[in-house]
Amino acid sequence: MRARTMTLDKVRSKGLRVLSRELGPYNFIRFLQQFEQGQGDYTKEREGRFGRWKVGDISRELKKQHK
């Protein structure tokens, strides 16, 4: 039996499809996040974007803009 050779792009694409199907969307994302280091300071960025807003404040504002 001879193994089929795929390009690295095809291997990656097929691997991601299999992982997504087997793990489901939530666990698939969790799996991928293990390899993403990220950068910056999320807490500072969040405070810079939203200041001292609470979740309820943001939710109300989004609802107002949606109407």
N, C-alpha and C. Protein backbone atom coordinates (compact mmCIF):
# COMPACT_ATOMS: atom_id res chain seq x y z
N MET A 1 0.84 -1.18 0.00
CA MET A 1 0.00 0.00 0.00
C MET A 1 0.88 1.24 0.00
N ARG A 2 0.58 2.16 -0.88
CA ARG A 2 1.37 3.39 -0.98
C ARG A 2 0.60 4.55 -0.39
N ALA A 3 1.24 5.30 0.47
CA ALA A 3 0.60 6.46 1.10
C ALA A 3 0.47 7.58 0.07
N ARG A 4 -0.69 8.24 0.10
CA ARG A 4 -0.88 9.39 -0.78
C ARG A 4 -0.22 10.60 -0.15
N THR A 5 0.49 11.33 -0.95
CA THR A 5 1.15 12.53 -0.47
C THR A 5 0.25 13.73 -0.73
N MET A 6 -0.01 14.50 0.32
CA MET A 6 -0.82 15.72 0.20
C MET A 6 0.08 16.91 0.47
N THR A 7 -0.29 18.04 -0.08
CA THR A 7 0.45 19.26 0.24
C THR A 7 0.21 19.58 1.72
N LEU A 8 1.09 20.35 2.30
CA LEU A 8 0.93 20.74 3.70
C LEU A 8 -0.38 21.50 3.91
N ASP A 9 -0.76 22.31 2.92
CA ASP A 9 -2.01 23.04 3.02
C ASP A 9 -3.20 22.09 3.10
N LYS A 10 -3.18 21.04 2.28
CA LYS A 10 -4.27 20.07 2.29
C LYS A 10 -4.28 19.26 3.59
N VAL A 11 -3.10 18.90 4.09
CA VAL A 11 -3.01 18.18 5.37
C VAL A 11 -3.60 19.02 6.49
N ARG A 12 -3.23 20.29 6.52
CA ARG A 12 -3.74 21.20 7.55
C ARG A 12 -5.25 21.36 7.44
N SER A 13 -5.73 21.58 6.25
CA SER A 13 -7.16 21.77 6.03
C SER A 13 -7.96 20.53 6.44
N LYS A 14 -7.50 19.37 6.02
CA LYS A 14 -8.20 18.14 6.36
C LYS A 14 -8.14 17.88 7.87
N GLY A 15 -6.98 18.12 8.45
CA GLY A 15 -6.83 17.94 9.90
C GLY A 15 -7.77 18.83 10.69
N LEU A 16 -7.90 20.09 10.27
CA LEU A 16 -8.80 21.01 10.96
C LEU A 16 -10.26 20.57 10.81
N ARG A 17 -10.62 20.08 9.62
CA ARG A 17 -12.00 19.59 9.41
C ARG A 17 -12.30 18.41 10.33
N VAL A 18 -11.35 17.48 10.42
CA VAL A 18 -11.55 16.30 11.27
C VAL A 18 -11.66 16.71 12.74
N LEU A 19 -10.76 17.58 13.17
CA LEU A 19 -10.81 18.05 14.56
C LEU A 19 -12.12 18.75 14.86
N SER A 20 -12.55 19.60 13.96
CA SER A 20 -13.80 20.33 14.15
C SER A 20 -14.98 19.37 14.26
N ARG A 21 -15.02 18.41 13.37
CA ARG A 21 -16.12 17.44 13.38
C ARG A 21 -16.12 16.59 14.65
N GLU A 22 -14.95 16.14 15.06
CA GLU A 22 -14.85 15.23 16.21
C GLU A 22 -14.99 15.95 17.56
N LEU A 23 -14.47 17.17 17.64
CA LEU A 23 -14.49 17.89 18.91
C LEU A 23 -15.73 18.76 19.10
N GLY A 24 -16.36 19.14 18.01
CA GLY A 24 -17.45 20.10 18.10
C GLY A 24 -16.87 21.51 18.14
N PRO A 25 -17.69 22.53 17.84
CA PRO A 25 -17.16 23.89 17.70
C PRO A 25 -16.48 24.43 18.97
N TYR A 26 -17.11 24.22 20.12
CA TYR A 26 -16.56 24.79 21.36
C TYR A 26 -15.19 24.20 21.69
N ASN A 27 -15.11 22.88 21.70
CA ASN A 27 -13.83 22.23 22.05
C ASN A 27 -12.79 22.39 20.95
N PHE A 28 -13.24 22.53 19.72
CA PHE A 28 -12.31 22.80 18.62
C PHE A 28 -11.60 24.13 18.85
N ILE A 29 -12.35 25.16 19.20
CA ILE A 29 -11.76 26.47 19.49
C ILE A 29 -10.82 26.38 20.70
N ARG A 30 -11.25 25.67 21.73
CA ARG A 30 -10.40 25.51 22.91
C ARG A 30 -9.08 24.83 22.54
N PHE A 31 -9.16 23.82 21.68
CA PHE A 31 -7.96 23.14 21.22
C PHE A 31 -7.03 24.10 20.50
N LEU A 32 -7.58 24.88 19.56
CA LEU A 32 -6.75 25.81 18.80
C LEU A 32 -6.12 26.87 19.71
N GLN A 33 -6.84 27.28 20.74
CA GLN A 33 -6.32 28.33 21.63
C GLN A 33 -5.09 27.87 22.41
N GLN A 34 -4.88 26.58 22.51
CA GLN A 34 -3.68 26.09 23.20
C GLN A 34 -2.41 26.52 22.48
N PHE A 35 -2.51 26.76 21.18
CA PHE A 35 -1.33 27.06 20.37
C PHE A 35 -1.20 28.53 20.03
N GLU A 36 -2.17 29.32 20.43
CA GLU A 36 -2.15 30.75 20.17
C GLU A 36 -1.69 31.47 21.44
N GLN A 37 -0.52 32.05 21.38
CA GLN A 37 0.03 32.72 22.55
C GLN A 37 -0.64 34.06 22.82
N GLY A 38 -1.08 34.71 21.77
CA GLY A 38 -1.64 36.03 21.96
C GLY A 38 -0.56 37.03 22.28
N GLN A 39 -0.96 38.26 22.39
CA GLN A 39 0.02 39.30 22.72
C GLN A 39 -0.71 40.48 23.34
N GLY A 40 0.03 41.29 24.00
CA GLY A 40 -0.57 42.45 24.63
C GLY A 40 -1.18 42.11 25.98
N ASP A 41 -1.89 43.08 26.53
CA ASP A 41 -2.52 42.94 27.83
C ASP A 41 -4.03 43.09 27.64
N TYR A 42 -4.73 41.98 27.63
CA TYR A 42 -6.16 41.98 27.36
C TYR A 42 -6.92 42.89 28.34
N THR A 43 -6.55 42.83 29.62
CA THR A 43 -7.25 43.61 30.63
C THR A 43 -7.13 45.10 30.34
N LYS A 44 -5.94 45.56 30.03
CA LYS A 44 -5.74 46.98 29.72
C LYS A 44 -6.50 47.36 28.44
N GLU A 45 -6.43 46.50 27.43
CA GLU A 45 -7.14 46.79 26.18
C GLU A 45 -8.64 46.86 26.42
N ARG A 46 -9.15 45.94 27.21
CA ARG A 46 -10.59 45.91 27.48
C ARG A 46 -11.01 47.17 28.23
N GLU A 47 -10.24 47.56 29.23
CA GLU A 47 -10.57 48.77 29.98
C GLU A 47 -10.46 50.00 29.10
N GLY A 48 -9.49 50.00 28.18
CA GLY A 48 -9.36 51.12 27.26
C GLY A 48 -10.55 51.23 26.33
N ARG A 49 -11.09 50.10 25.94
CA ARG A 49 -12.24 50.07 25.03
C ARG A 49 -13.55 50.36 25.75
N PHE A 50 -13.72 49.77 26.92
CA PHE A 50 -15.01 49.84 27.59
C PHE A 50 -14.98 50.63 28.90
N GLY A 51 -13.80 51.04 29.32
CA GLY A 51 -13.71 51.78 30.57
C GLY A 51 -14.26 50.97 31.72
N ARG A 52 -15.09 51.57 32.50
CA ARG A 52 -15.66 50.89 33.67
C ARG A 52 -17.07 50.37 33.40
N TRP A 53 -17.44 50.23 32.13
CA TRP A 53 -18.77 49.72 31.79
C TRP A 53 -18.93 48.32 32.33
N LYS A 54 -20.13 48.02 32.75
CA LYS A 54 -20.45 46.67 33.19
C LYS A 54 -21.16 45.95 32.03
N VAL A 55 -21.26 44.64 32.12
CA VAL A 55 -21.87 43.85 31.06
C VAL A 55 -23.29 44.34 30.75
N GLY A 56 -24.05 44.63 31.79
CA GLY A 56 -25.42 45.12 31.60
C GLY A 56 -25.45 46.42 30.83
N ASP A 57 -24.49 47.33 31.12
CA ASP A 57 -24.42 48.60 30.40
C ASP A 57 -24.17 48.37 28.91
N ILE A 58 -23.24 47.49 28.61
CA ILE A 58 -22.89 47.19 27.22
C ILE A 58 -24.09 46.56 26.52
N SER A 59 -24.75 45.63 27.20
CA SER A 59 -25.92 44.96 26.62
C SER A 59 -27.01 45.97 26.29
N ARG A 60 -27.31 46.88 27.21
CA ARG A 60 -28.34 47.89 26.97
C ARG A 60 -27.96 48.78 25.78
N GLU A 61 -26.71 49.17 25.72
CA GLU A 61 -26.25 50.03 24.63
C GLU A 61 -26.38 49.31 23.28
N LEU A 62 -26.01 48.05 23.24
CA LEU A 62 -26.15 47.29 22.00
C LEU A 62 -27.61 47.16 21.58
N LYS A 63 -28.50 46.93 22.55
CA LYS A 63 -29.92 46.83 22.24
C LYS A 63 -30.45 48.13 21.68
N LYS A 64 -30.01 49.27 22.26
CA LYS A 64 -30.44 50.58 21.76
C LYS A 64 -30.00 50.78 20.32
N GLN A 65 -28.75 50.41 20.02
CA GLN A 65 -28.22 50.60 18.68
C GLN A 65 -28.89 49.67 17.67
N HIS A 66 -29.34 48.52 18.14
CA HIS A 66 -29.98 47.55 17.26
C HIS A 66 -31.36 48.00 16.82
N LYS A 67 -32.04 48.78 17.67
CA LYS A 67 -33.41 49.24 17.35
C LYS A 67 -33.44 50.27 16.27
